[in-house]
C-alpha atoms as a PDB file:
ATOM      1  CA  MET A   1      17.748  21.443  13.138  1.00  0.00           C
ATOM      2  CA  LYS A   2      16.237  18.365  11.431  1.00  0.00           C
ATOM      3  CA  ARG A   3      18.546  16.679   8.678  1.00  0.00           C
ATOM      4  CA  PHE A   4      17.596  13.678   6.550  1.00  0.00           C
ATOM      5  CA  ILE A   5      19.817  11.337   4.559  1.00  0.00           C
ATOM      6  CA  THR A   6      19.229   8.657   2.016  1.00  0.00           C
ATOM      7  CA  TYR A   7      21.120   5.625   0.724  1.00  0.00           C
ATOM      8  CA  GLU A   8      19.197   5.415  -2.581  1.00  0.00           C
ATOM      9  CA  GLU A   9      20.233   6.688  -5.851  1.00  0.00           C
ATOM     10  CA  PRO A  10      20.383   9.431  -7.260  1.00  0.00           C
ATOM     11  CA  LEU A  11      20.949  11.173  -3.953  1.00  0.00           C
ATOM     12  CA  GLN A  12      23.025   8.627  -2.134  1.00  0.00           C
ATOM     13  CA  ASN A  13      24.572   9.808   0.979  1.00  0.00           C
ATOM     14  CA  ARG A  14      23.674  13.181   0.683  1.00  0.00           C
ATOM     15  CA  VAL A  15      22.336  15.164   3.935  1.00  0.00           C
ATOM     16  CA  PHE A  16      19.416  17.433   3.543  1.00  0.00           C
ATOM     17  CA  THR A  17      17.886  19.944   5.782  1.00  0.00           C
ATOM     18  CA  TYR A  18      13.896  20.125   6.195  1.00  0.00           C
ATOM     19  CA  SER A  19      13.788  23.075   3.514  1.00  0.00           C
ATOM     20  CA  GLN A  20      16.069  21.088   1.208  1.00  0.00           C
ATOM     21  CA  MET A  21      13.547  18.176   1.576  1.00  0.00           C
ATOM     22  CA  LYS A  22      10.645  20.447   0.336  1.00  0.00           C
ATOM     23  CA  GLU A  23      12.988  20.889  -2.846  1.00  0.00           C
ATOM     24  CA  VAL A  24      13.404  17.422  -3.095  1.00  0.00           C
ATOM     25  CA  TYR A  25       9.746  16.931  -2.974  1.00  0.00           C
ATOM     26  CA  ARG A  26       8.976  19.776  -5.481  1.00  0.00           C
ATOM     27  CA  ASP A  27      11.578  18.504  -8.079  1.00  0.00           C
ATOM     28  CA  MET A  28      11.297  14.433  -7.672  1.00  0.00           C
ATOM     29  CA  ALA A  29       8.133  13.346  -6.020  1.00  0.00           C
ATOM     30  CA  ASP A  30       5.212  11.881  -8.095  1.00  0.00           C
ATOM     31  CA  LYS A  31       2.497  14.529  -7.249  1.00  0.00           C
ATOM     32  CA  ASN A  32      -0.170  12.106  -8.197  1.00  0.00           C
ATOM     33  CA  GLU A  33       0.901   9.459  -5.577  1.00  0.00           C
ATOM     34  CA  TYR A  34       2.043  12.171  -2.985  1.00  0.00           C
ATOM     35  CA  PRO A  35      -0.117  15.368  -3.695  1.00  0.00           C
ATOM     36  CA  ASP A  36       1.376  17.394  -0.627  1.00  0.00           C
ATOM     37  CA  PHE A  37       4.775  17.386   1.192  1.00  0.00           C
ATOM     38  CA  ILE A  38       3.581  15.890   4.651  1.00  0.00           C
ATOM     39  CA  THR A  39       2.254  12.717   2.929  1.00  0.00           C
ATOM     40  CA  TRP A  40       5.407  12.267   1.117  1.00  0.00           C
ATOM     41  CA  ILE A  41       7.873  12.973   3.867  1.00  0.00           C
ATOM     42  CA  THR A  42       5.819  10.887   6.185  1.00  0.00           C
ATOM     43  CA  ASP A  43       5.945   7.737   3.802  1.00  0.00           C
ATOM     44  CA  MET A  44       9.721   8.573   2.838  1.00  0.00           C
ATOM     45  CA  LEU A  45      10.561   8.148   6.714  1.00  0.00           C
ATOM     46  CA  LYS A  46       8.155   5.352   7.380  1.00  0.00           C
ATOM     47  CA  SER A  47       9.509   3.269   4.301  1.00  0.00           C
ATOM     48  CA  GLY A  48      13.215   4.100   5.110  1.00  0.00           C
ATOM     49  CA  VAL A  49      13.943   5.805   1.889  1.00  0.00           C
ATOM     50  CA  PHE A  50      15.176   8.727   4.071  1.00  0.00           C
ATOM     51  CA  GLU A  51      16.298   8.633   7.841  1.00  0.00           C
ATOM     52  CA  GLU A  52      16.296  11.641  10.165  1.00  0.00           C
ATOM     53  CA  VAL A  53      19.969  12.009  11.511  1.00  0.00           C
END
């Protein structure tokens, strides 16, 4: 099962499942910049905001 961690506030040091990442996207992502989950998660991983663990 994929898990993701971030070291940035406000979610610092929390680990999320893929399903929970969808909730983070729903609740926190800028939908104008990231109109869909796949675009957002790809950018978050590429930029290092989240890491797969």
